[in-house]
């Protein structure tokens, strides 16, 4: 599988899983969404928020420093975020709508990149201002893996309150040969 096809697969998986997760979470009331359940970011809502925060940070870096003429939204459209637990929205529906938009952008990245771009370096600064230069493909895999890590926490929290989101395996989307 080419690197581009792998990015497209991961973007599709990401979108599919986020939709399943948000649909499951939408069954909960505000108290259940915000209840501290002992995860890294406490609640289901704050963990969903953290994933969106991290994605926003990476999309801002990519649109500003690597893909400025690609058709991605201008980096100035993304919020300036200075902490990984920065609150993005006051309510679940706004966060859900934002998640849909982020996933649409990630799908478009899969369509826009080519093999050469994926092998190129991205130059950026972390939240502390430290400079880095890393491979685009590896950074995209990090972004998708980061989401998977925290979605696993959310599916565990949901499972503990008897909310089953169904199949979560990437294998469900890998095409057969």
N, C-alpha and C. Protein backbone atom coordinates (compact mmCIF):
# COMPACT_ATOMS: atom_id res chain seq x y z
N UNK A 1 0.85 -1.17 0.00
CA UNK A 1 0.00 0.00 0.00
C UNK A 1 0.90 1.24 0.00
N UNK A 2 0.56 2.20 -0.81
CA UNK A 2 1.33 3.44 -0.87
C UNK A 2 1.11 4.24 0.42
N UNK A 3 2.01 5.17 0.69
CA UNK A 3 1.85 6.03 1.85
C UNK A 3 0.56 6.83 1.75
N UNK A 4 0.27 7.36 0.56
CA UNK A 4 -0.96 8.13 0.35
C UNK A 4 -2.19 7.29 0.66
N UNK A 5 -2.23 6.07 0.16
CA UNK A 5 -3.37 5.19 0.43
C UNK A 5 -3.49 4.91 1.92
N UNK A 6 -2.35 4.79 2.60
CA UNK A 6 -2.40 4.54 4.04
C UNK A 6 -2.96 5.77 4.78
N UNK A 7 -2.56 6.96 4.39
CA UNK A 7 -3.11 8.18 4.99
C UNK A 7 -4.62 8.23 4.74
N UNK A 8 -5.04 7.91 3.53
CA UNK A 8 -6.47 7.92 3.22
C UNK A 8 -7.24 6.89 4.06
N UNK A 9 -6.66 5.71 4.23
CA UNK A 9 -7.29 4.67 5.06
C UNK A 9 -7.42 5.16 6.51
N UNK A 10 -6.34 5.73 7.03
CA UNK A 10 -6.37 6.19 8.42
C UNK A 10 -7.34 7.36 8.60
N UNK A 11 -7.41 8.25 7.62
CA UNK A 11 -8.36 9.37 7.71
C UNK A 11 -9.81 8.84 7.67
N UNK A 12 -10.05 7.84 6.85
CA UNK A 12 -11.40 7.24 6.79
C UNK A 12 -11.74 6.54 8.09
N UNK A 13 -10.79 5.78 8.62
CA UNK A 13 -10.99 5.09 9.90
C UNK A 13 -11.27 6.10 11.00
N UNK A 14 -10.47 7.16 11.03
CA UNK A 14 -10.61 8.22 12.00
C UNK A 14 -12.02 8.81 11.95
N UNK A 15 -12.48 9.15 10.76
CA UNK A 15 -13.81 9.74 10.59
C UNK A 15 -14.90 8.76 11.04
N UNK A 16 -14.78 7.51 10.62
CA UNK A 16 -15.75 6.47 10.96
C UNK A 16 -15.85 6.29 12.47
N UNK A 17 -14.69 6.18 13.12
CA UNK A 17 -14.69 5.96 14.57
C UNK A 17 -15.19 7.19 15.34
N UNK A 18 -14.80 8.37 14.89
CA UNK A 18 -15.29 9.57 15.58
C UNK A 18 -16.80 9.69 15.47
N UNK A 19 -17.34 9.36 14.31
CA UNK A 19 -18.80 9.40 14.15
C UNK A 19 -19.47 8.42 15.11
N UNK A 20 -18.95 7.20 15.20
CA UNK A 20 -19.52 6.21 16.11
C UNK A 20 -19.42 6.68 17.56
N UNK A 21 -18.28 7.24 17.91
CA UNK A 21 -18.06 7.68 19.29
C UNK A 21 -18.98 8.84 19.66
N UNK A 22 -19.09 9.82 18.78
CA UNK A 22 -19.96 10.96 19.07
C UNK A 22 -21.43 10.56 19.09
N UNK A 23 -21.83 9.65 18.22
CA UNK A 23 -23.23 9.18 18.26
C UNK A 23 -23.51 8.49 19.59
N UNK A 24 -22.57 7.67 20.06
CA UNK A 24 -22.74 7.00 21.35
C UNK A 24 -22.78 8.03 22.48
N UNK A 25 -21.85 8.97 22.46
CA UNK A 25 -21.79 9.97 23.52
C UNK A 25 -23.01 10.88 23.51
N UNK A 26 -23.61 11.07 22.35
CA UNK A 26 -24.79 11.94 22.27
C UNK A 26 -26.00 11.35 23.01
N UNK A 27 -25.94 10.08 23.36
CA UNK A 27 -27.01 9.45 24.13
C UNK A 27 -26.97 9.86 25.60
N UNK A 28 -25.85 10.42 26.03
CA UNK A 28 -25.66 10.74 27.44
C UNK A 28 -26.14 12.16 27.75
N UNK A 29 -26.56 12.35 29.00
CA UNK A 29 -26.89 13.71 29.42
C UNK A 29 -25.62 14.45 29.81
N UNK A 30 -25.75 15.74 30.09
CA UNK A 30 -24.59 16.58 30.41
C UNK A 30 -23.82 16.06 31.63
N UNK A 31 -24.54 15.60 32.63
CA UNK A 31 -23.88 15.10 33.84
C UNK A 31 -23.01 13.90 33.50
N UNK A 32 -23.55 12.96 32.74
CA UNK A 32 -22.79 11.76 32.37
C UNK A 32 -21.60 12.11 31.47
N UNK A 33 -21.77 13.07 30.57
CA UNK A 33 -20.68 13.48 29.69
C UNK A 33 -19.53 14.11 30.46
N UNK A 34 -19.85 14.86 31.50
CA UNK A 34 -18.84 15.63 32.24
C UNK A 34 -18.36 14.96 33.52
N UNK A 35 -18.91 13.81 33.86
CA UNK A 35 -18.52 13.11 35.08
C UNK A 35 -17.06 12.67 34.99
N UNK A 36 -16.27 12.99 36.01
CA UNK A 36 -14.87 12.57 36.04
C UNK A 36 -14.82 11.06 36.26
N UNK A 37 -14.28 10.36 35.27
CA UNK A 37 -14.23 8.90 35.30
C UNK A 37 -12.80 8.38 35.46
N UNK A 38 -11.87 9.27 35.80
CA UNK A 38 -10.51 8.86 36.09
C UNK A 38 -9.60 8.70 34.88
N UNK A 39 -10.03 9.12 33.71
CA UNK A 39 -9.17 9.05 32.52
C UNK A 39 -8.18 10.21 32.56
N UNK A 40 -7.24 10.23 31.62
CA UNK A 40 -6.22 11.29 31.60
C UNK A 40 -6.83 12.68 31.67
N UNK A 41 -7.91 12.89 30.95
CA UNK A 41 -8.55 14.21 30.93
C UNK A 41 -9.87 14.19 31.70
N UNK A 42 -10.08 13.15 32.49
CA UNK A 42 -11.22 13.08 33.40
C UNK A 42 -12.46 12.50 32.77
N UNK A 43 -13.20 13.33 32.07
CA UNK A 43 -14.52 12.94 31.58
C UNK A 43 -14.50 12.57 30.09
N UNK A 44 -15.61 12.02 29.66
CA UNK A 44 -15.79 11.73 28.23
C UNK A 44 -15.70 13.03 27.44
N UNK A 45 -16.40 14.05 27.89
CA UNK A 45 -16.41 15.33 27.19
C UNK A 45 -15.01 15.94 27.10
N UNK A 46 -14.30 15.97 28.22
CA UNK A 46 -12.97 16.59 28.21
C UNK A 46 -11.97 15.78 27.39
N UNK A 47 -12.17 14.47 27.29
CA UNK A 47 -11.29 13.67 26.44
C UNK A 47 -11.61 13.93 24.97
N UNK A 48 -12.89 14.02 24.61
CA UNK A 48 -13.25 14.41 23.24
C UNK A 48 -12.68 15.79 22.91
N UNK A 49 -12.78 16.70 23.86
CA UNK A 49 -12.23 18.05 23.67
C UNK A 49 -10.72 17.99 23.44
N UNK A 50 -10.01 17.19 24.24
CA UNK A 50 -8.56 17.09 24.10
C UNK A 50 -8.17 16.59 22.70
N UNK A 51 -8.88 15.59 22.20
CA UNK A 51 -8.57 15.09 20.85
C UNK A 51 -8.73 16.22 19.84
N UNK A 52 -9.81 16.98 19.94
CA UNK A 52 -10.03 18.11 19.02
C UNK A 52 -8.97 19.18 19.19
N UNK A 53 -8.54 19.43 20.41
CA UNK A 53 -7.47 20.40 20.67
C UNK A 53 -6.19 19.97 19.97
N UNK A 54 -5.78 18.72 20.17
CA UNK A 54 -4.54 18.23 19.56
C UNK A 54 -4.63 18.28 18.04
N UNK A 55 -5.76 17.88 17.49
CA UNK A 55 -5.93 17.93 16.03
C UNK A 55 -5.84 19.37 15.53
N UNK A 56 -6.42 20.30 16.26
CA UNK A 56 -6.37 21.70 15.87
C UNK A 56 -4.92 22.20 15.85
N UNK A 57 -4.16 21.84 16.86
CA UNK A 57 -2.74 22.23 16.90
C UNK A 57 -2.01 21.71 15.67
N UNK A 58 -2.22 20.43 15.35
CA UNK A 58 -1.52 19.85 14.19
C UNK A 58 -2.01 20.44 12.87
N UNK A 59 -3.30 20.66 12.74
CA UNK A 59 -3.81 21.25 11.50
C UNK A 59 -3.30 22.67 11.31
N UNK A 60 -3.20 23.42 12.38
CA UNK A 60 -2.65 24.77 12.30
C UNK A 60 -1.19 24.71 11.83
N UNK A 61 -0.42 23.80 12.39
CA UNK A 61 0.98 23.65 11.97
C UNK A 61 1.09 23.26 10.50
N UNK A 62 0.28 22.30 10.09
CA UNK A 62 0.36 21.82 8.71
C UNK A 62 -0.10 22.87 7.72
N UNK A 63 -1.19 23.55 8.04
CA UNK A 63 -1.70 24.54 7.08
C UNK A 63 -0.78 25.76 6.99
N UNK A 64 -0.13 26.10 8.08
CA UNK A 64 0.75 27.27 8.07
C UNK A 64 2.12 26.98 7.49
N UNK A 65 2.64 25.80 7.78
CA UNK A 65 4.05 25.55 7.50
C UNK A 65 4.32 24.54 6.41
N UNK A 66 3.33 23.76 6.02
CA UNK A 66 3.63 22.72 5.04
C UNK A 66 2.69 22.72 3.85
N UNK A 67 1.43 22.97 4.10
CA UNK A 67 0.44 22.87 3.03
C UNK A 67 -0.29 24.20 2.81
N UNK A 68 0.42 25.34 2.78
CA UNK A 68 -0.30 26.61 2.72
C UNK A 68 -1.07 26.84 1.43
N UNK A 69 -0.67 26.25 0.33
CA UNK A 69 -1.36 26.46 -0.94
C UNK A 69 -2.15 25.23 -1.38
N UNK A 70 -2.51 24.39 -0.43
CA UNK A 70 -3.10 23.10 -0.76
C UNK A 70 -4.61 23.11 -0.83
N UNK A 71 -5.24 24.18 -0.39
CA UNK A 71 -6.69 24.18 -0.31
C UNK A 71 -7.17 23.95 1.10
N UNK A 72 -6.26 23.69 2.04
CA UNK A 72 -6.66 23.58 3.44
C UNK A 72 -7.05 24.97 3.94
N UNK A 73 -7.87 25.03 4.99
CA UNK A 73 -8.19 26.34 5.56
C UNK A 73 -6.91 27.06 5.97
N UNK A 74 -6.92 28.36 5.84
CA UNK A 74 -5.80 29.19 6.26
C UNK A 74 -5.54 28.95 7.75
N UNK A 75 -4.28 28.87 8.12
CA UNK A 75 -3.92 28.57 9.51
C UNK A 75 -4.52 29.58 10.49
N UNK A 76 -4.78 30.80 10.03
CA UNK A 76 -5.37 31.80 10.92
C UNK A 76 -6.81 31.46 11.29
N UNK A 77 -7.44 30.55 10.54
CA UNK A 77 -8.81 30.14 10.88
C UNK A 77 -8.83 29.20 12.07
N UNK A 78 -7.68 28.58 12.36
CA UNK A 78 -7.61 27.69 13.51
C UNK A 78 -7.25 28.50 14.75
N UNK A 79 -7.82 28.12 15.85
CA UNK A 79 -7.58 28.82 17.11
C UNK A 79 -6.11 28.71 17.51
N UNK A 80 -5.63 29.73 18.21
CA UNK A 80 -4.32 29.63 18.86
C UNK A 80 -4.55 28.90 20.18
N UNK A 81 -3.88 27.79 20.34
CA UNK A 81 -4.06 26.97 21.53
C UNK A 81 -2.72 26.86 22.25
N UNK A 82 -2.76 27.03 23.56
CA UNK A 82 -1.53 27.04 24.34
C UNK A 82 -1.48 25.95 25.40
N UNK A 83 -2.57 25.15 25.50
CA UNK A 83 -2.58 24.03 26.45
C UNK A 83 -3.40 22.89 25.86
N UNK A 84 -3.02 21.68 26.22
CA UNK A 84 -3.68 20.49 25.67
C UNK A 84 -5.05 20.23 26.26
N UNK A 85 -5.41 20.99 27.29
CA UNK A 85 -6.75 20.86 27.87
C UNK A 85 -7.57 22.13 27.68
N UNK A 86 -7.17 22.95 26.72
CA UNK A 86 -7.89 24.21 26.46
C UNK A 86 -9.34 23.91 26.07
N UNK A 87 -10.29 24.56 26.72
CA UNK A 87 -11.70 24.32 26.35
C UNK A 87 -12.00 24.96 25.00
N UNK A 88 -12.57 24.17 24.10
CA UNK A 88 -12.91 24.68 22.77
C UNK A 88 -14.33 25.21 22.70
N UNK A 89 -15.27 24.51 23.33
CA UNK A 89 -16.68 24.86 23.24
C UNK A 89 -17.36 24.64 24.59
N UNK A 90 -18.48 25.30 24.77
CA UNK A 90 -19.25 25.18 26.01
C UNK A 90 -20.26 24.04 25.97
N UNK A 91 -20.47 23.46 24.78
CA UNK A 91 -21.49 22.43 24.70
C UNK A 91 -21.09 21.32 23.73
N UNK A 92 -21.70 20.18 23.92
CA UNK A 92 -21.38 18.98 23.16
C UNK A 92 -21.66 19.15 21.67
N UNK A 93 -22.79 19.75 21.31
CA UNK A 93 -23.15 19.86 19.89
C UNK A 93 -22.13 20.69 19.12
N UNK A 94 -21.66 21.77 19.69
CA UNK A 94 -20.64 22.59 19.01
C UNK A 94 -19.34 21.80 18.84
N UNK A 95 -18.98 21.03 19.87
CA UNK A 95 -17.78 20.19 19.76
C UNK A 95 -17.97 19.12 18.68
N UNK A 96 -19.14 18.53 18.62
CA UNK A 96 -19.47 17.51 17.61
C UNK A 96 -19.38 18.12 16.21
N UNK A 97 -19.97 19.29 16.02
CA UNK A 97 -19.92 19.96 14.71
C UNK A 97 -18.47 20.25 14.31
N UNK A 98 -17.67 20.68 15.27
CA UNK A 98 -16.26 20.97 15.01
C UNK A 98 -15.51 19.68 14.64
N UNK A 99 -15.84 18.60 15.34
CA UNK A 99 -15.20 17.30 15.03
C UNK A 99 -15.48 16.90 13.58
N UNK A 100 -16.71 17.09 13.14
CA UNK A 100 -17.08 16.76 11.76
C UNK A 100 -16.23 17.57 10.79
N UNK A 101 -16.03 18.84 11.09
CA UNK A 101 -15.21 19.70 10.22
C UNK A 101 -13.74 19.27 10.22
N UNK A 102 -13.20 18.96 11.38
CA UNK A 102 -11.81 18.50 11.45
C UNK A 102 -11.65 17.22 10.63
N UNK A 103 -12.58 16.29 10.77
CA UNK A 103 -12.47 15.03 10.04
C UNK A 103 -12.59 15.26 8.54
N UNK A 104 -13.41 16.21 8.13
CA UNK A 104 -13.50 16.55 6.71
C UNK A 104 -12.15 17.07 6.20
N UNK A 105 -11.49 17.88 6.99
CA UNK A 105 -10.17 18.40 6.61
C UNK A 105 -9.15 17.28 6.55
N UNK A 106 -9.18 16.37 7.50
CA UNK A 106 -8.24 15.25 7.47
C UNK A 106 -8.45 14.35 6.25
N UNK A 107 -9.70 14.16 5.87
CA UNK A 107 -9.99 13.41 4.63
C UNK A 107 -9.40 14.16 3.44
N UNK A 108 -9.55 15.48 3.42
CA UNK A 108 -9.02 16.27 2.30
C UNK A 108 -7.50 16.23 2.25
N UNK A 109 -6.85 16.14 3.39
CA UNK A 109 -5.39 16.00 3.39
C UNK A 109 -5.00 14.71 2.68
N UNK A 110 -5.72 13.63 2.98
CA UNK A 110 -5.45 12.37 2.30
C UNK A 110 -5.59 12.48 0.79
N UNK A 111 -6.51 13.29 0.34
CA UNK A 111 -6.70 13.50 -1.10
C UNK A 111 -5.65 14.43 -1.69
N UNK A 112 -5.16 15.38 -0.90
CA UNK A 112 -4.26 16.40 -1.41
C UNK A 112 -2.79 15.97 -1.47
N UNK A 113 -2.36 15.17 -0.52
CA UNK A 113 -0.94 14.83 -0.46
C UNK A 113 -0.55 13.83 -1.54
N UNK A 114 0.73 13.86 -1.89
CA UNK A 114 1.28 12.83 -2.77
C UNK A 114 2.46 12.19 -2.05
N UNK A 115 3.04 11.17 -2.67
CA UNK A 115 4.11 10.42 -2.02
C UNK A 115 5.29 11.32 -1.65
N UNK A 116 5.66 12.24 -2.54
CA UNK A 116 6.80 13.12 -2.27
C UNK A 116 6.53 14.02 -1.07
N UNK A 117 5.31 14.58 -1.00
CA UNK A 117 4.96 15.43 0.14
C UNK A 117 5.03 14.66 1.45
N UNK A 118 4.56 13.42 1.41
CA UNK A 118 4.55 12.62 2.64
C UNK A 118 5.95 12.28 3.12
N UNK A 119 6.92 12.33 2.23
CA UNK A 119 8.31 12.06 2.62
C UNK A 119 9.06 13.33 3.02
N UNK A 120 8.43 14.48 2.82
CA UNK A 120 9.07 15.75 3.11
C UNK A 120 8.99 16.06 4.62
N UNK A 121 9.73 17.08 5.02
CA UNK A 121 9.77 17.48 6.44
C UNK A 121 8.81 18.62 6.71
N UNK A 122 8.26 18.60 7.89
CA UNK A 122 7.42 19.67 8.41
C UNK A 122 8.23 20.37 9.49
N UNK A 123 8.32 21.67 9.41
CA UNK A 123 9.03 22.47 10.41
C UNK A 123 7.98 23.17 11.27
N UNK A 124 8.09 23.00 12.57
CA UNK A 124 7.10 23.58 13.47
C UNK A 124 7.73 23.81 14.84
N UNK A 125 6.97 24.46 15.71
CA UNK A 125 7.36 24.67 17.10
C UNK A 125 6.31 24.02 17.99
N UNK A 126 6.77 23.37 19.07
CA UNK A 126 5.82 22.80 20.01
C UNK A 126 5.21 23.91 20.87
N UNK A 127 4.35 23.53 21.81
CA UNK A 127 3.67 24.54 22.63
C UNK A 127 4.62 25.31 23.53
N UNK A 128 5.80 24.76 23.76
CA UNK A 128 6.81 25.47 24.57
C UNK A 128 7.74 26.31 23.71
N UNK A 129 7.55 26.28 22.38
CA UNK A 129 8.36 27.08 21.48
C UNK A 129 9.60 26.38 20.94
N UNK A 130 9.76 25.11 21.25
CA UNK A 130 10.92 24.36 20.76
C UNK A 130 10.73 23.99 19.29
N UNK A 131 11.75 24.23 18.46
CA UNK A 131 11.63 23.92 17.03
C UNK A 131 11.83 22.42 16.74
N UNK A 132 11.09 21.94 15.74
CA UNK A 132 11.21 20.56 15.29
C UNK A 132 11.11 20.50 13.78
N UNK A 133 11.66 19.46 13.23
CA UNK A 133 11.53 19.17 11.80
C UNK A 133 11.33 17.66 11.70
N UNK A 134 10.14 17.25 11.26
CA UNK A 134 9.81 15.82 11.21
C UNK A 134 9.07 15.49 9.93
N UNK A 135 9.09 14.23 9.58
CA UNK A 135 8.48 13.69 8.37
C UNK A 135 6.95 13.81 8.43
N UNK A 136 6.34 14.32 7.35
CA UNK A 136 4.89 14.52 7.31
C UNK A 136 4.13 13.21 7.52
N UNK A 137 4.51 12.15 6.83
CA UNK A 137 3.80 10.89 6.98
C UNK A 137 3.82 10.44 8.44
N UNK A 138 4.97 10.51 9.07
CA UNK A 138 5.08 10.10 10.48
C UNK A 138 4.22 10.98 11.38
N UNK A 139 4.18 12.27 11.11
CA UNK A 139 3.35 13.17 11.92
C UNK A 139 1.86 12.87 11.75
N UNK A 140 1.45 12.57 10.52
CA UNK A 140 0.04 12.21 10.31
C UNK A 140 -0.30 10.90 11.02
N UNK A 141 0.62 9.93 10.98
CA UNK A 141 0.38 8.68 11.70
C UNK A 141 0.31 8.94 13.20
N UNK A 142 1.13 9.87 13.71
CA UNK A 142 1.06 10.25 15.11
C UNK A 142 -0.32 10.84 15.44
N UNK A 143 -0.80 11.74 14.60
CA UNK A 143 -2.10 12.37 14.81
C UNK A 143 -3.19 11.29 14.90
N UNK A 144 -3.19 10.37 13.95
CA UNK A 144 -4.22 9.33 13.96
C UNK A 144 -4.05 8.38 15.14
N UNK A 145 -2.81 8.04 15.48
CA UNK A 145 -2.56 7.16 16.61
C UNK A 145 -2.96 7.83 17.92
N UNK A 146 -2.71 9.11 18.04
CA UNK A 146 -3.10 9.85 19.24
C UNK A 146 -4.61 9.79 19.43
N UNK A 147 -5.34 9.97 18.33
CA UNK A 147 -6.80 9.87 18.43
C UNK A 147 -7.22 8.47 18.88
N UNK A 148 -6.61 7.45 18.28
CA UNK A 148 -6.96 6.07 18.63
C UNK A 148 -6.72 5.82 20.12
N UNK A 149 -5.60 6.30 20.62
CA UNK A 149 -5.27 6.14 22.04
C UNK A 149 -6.39 6.70 22.93
N UNK A 150 -6.78 7.94 22.67
CA UNK A 150 -7.79 8.56 23.52
C UNK A 150 -9.20 8.05 23.23
N UNK A 151 -9.48 7.65 22.00
CA UNK A 151 -10.79 7.03 21.72
C UNK A 151 -10.91 5.72 22.50
N UNK A 152 -9.80 5.01 22.67
CA UNK A 152 -9.82 3.80 23.48
C UNK A 152 -10.23 4.09 24.91
N UNK A 153 -9.74 5.20 25.45
CA UNK A 153 -10.16 5.59 26.79
C UNK A 153 -11.65 5.89 26.83
N UNK A 154 -12.13 6.58 25.81
CA UNK A 154 -13.56 6.93 25.78
C UNK A 154 -14.42 5.68 25.63
N UNK A 155 -14.01 4.75 24.76
CA UNK A 155 -14.81 3.53 24.62
C UNK A 155 -14.83 2.74 25.92
N UNK A 156 -13.75 2.78 26.67
CA UNK A 156 -13.73 2.12 27.98
C UNK A 156 -14.71 2.81 28.93
N UNK A 157 -14.68 4.15 28.96
CA UNK A 157 -15.61 4.87 29.83
C UNK A 157 -17.05 4.59 29.43
N UNK A 158 -17.32 4.56 28.13
CA UNK A 158 -18.67 4.25 27.67
C UNK A 158 -19.07 2.82 28.03
N UNK A 159 -18.16 1.89 27.85
CA UNK A 159 -18.44 0.49 28.18
C UNK A 159 -18.77 0.33 29.66
N UNK A 160 -18.11 1.09 30.51
CA UNK A 160 -18.36 1.01 31.95
C UNK A 160 -19.78 1.45 32.32
N UNK A 161 -20.41 2.21 31.43
CA UNK A 161 -21.80 2.62 31.69
C UNK A 161 -22.77 1.95 30.69
N UNK A 162 -22.33 0.80 30.16
CA UNK A 162 -23.13 -0.04 29.27
C UNK A 162 -23.53 0.63 27.97
N UNK A 163 -22.66 1.46 27.41
CA UNK A 163 -22.86 2.03 26.08
C UNK A 163 -21.83 1.37 25.17
N UNK A 164 -22.31 0.56 24.25
CA UNK A 164 -21.44 -0.18 23.33
C UNK A 164 -21.45 0.51 21.97
N UNK A 165 -20.28 0.85 21.45
CA UNK A 165 -20.24 1.51 20.15
C UNK A 165 -20.03 0.52 19.01
N UNK A 166 -19.92 -0.74 19.33
CA UNK A 166 -19.77 -1.74 18.28
C UNK A 166 -18.33 -1.95 17.84
N UNK A 167 -18.16 -2.39 16.62
CA UNK A 167 -16.85 -2.71 16.07
C UNK A 167 -15.98 -1.45 16.05
N UNK A 168 -14.74 -1.61 16.52
CA UNK A 168 -13.81 -0.48 16.55
C UNK A 168 -12.51 -0.77 15.80
N UNK A 169 -12.37 -1.96 15.26
CA UNK A 169 -11.11 -2.37 14.66
C UNK A 169 -10.89 -1.76 13.28
N UNK A 170 -9.69 -1.27 13.05
CA UNK A 170 -9.27 -0.77 11.75
C UNK A 170 -9.46 -1.85 10.69
N UNK A 171 -9.30 -3.10 11.07
CA UNK A 171 -9.43 -4.21 10.14
C UNK A 171 -10.78 -4.19 9.40
N UNK A 172 -11.79 -3.61 10.01
CA UNK A 172 -13.11 -3.53 9.37
C UNK A 172 -13.07 -2.67 8.10
N UNK A 173 -12.09 -1.77 7.99
CA UNK A 173 -12.01 -0.89 6.83
C UNK A 173 -10.88 -1.25 5.87
N UNK A 174 -10.01 -2.17 6.26
CA UNK A 174 -8.91 -2.55 5.36
C UNK A 174 -9.49 -3.36 4.21
N UNK A 175 -9.22 -2.90 2.98
CA UNK A 175 -9.78 -3.63 1.82
C UNK A 175 -9.19 -5.03 1.69
N UNK A 176 -9.99 -5.94 1.22
CA UNK A 176 -9.50 -7.30 0.95
C UNK A 176 -8.69 -7.29 -0.34
N UNK A 177 -7.74 -8.17 -0.39
CA UNK A 177 -6.92 -8.31 -1.62
C UNK A 177 -7.62 -9.20 -2.63
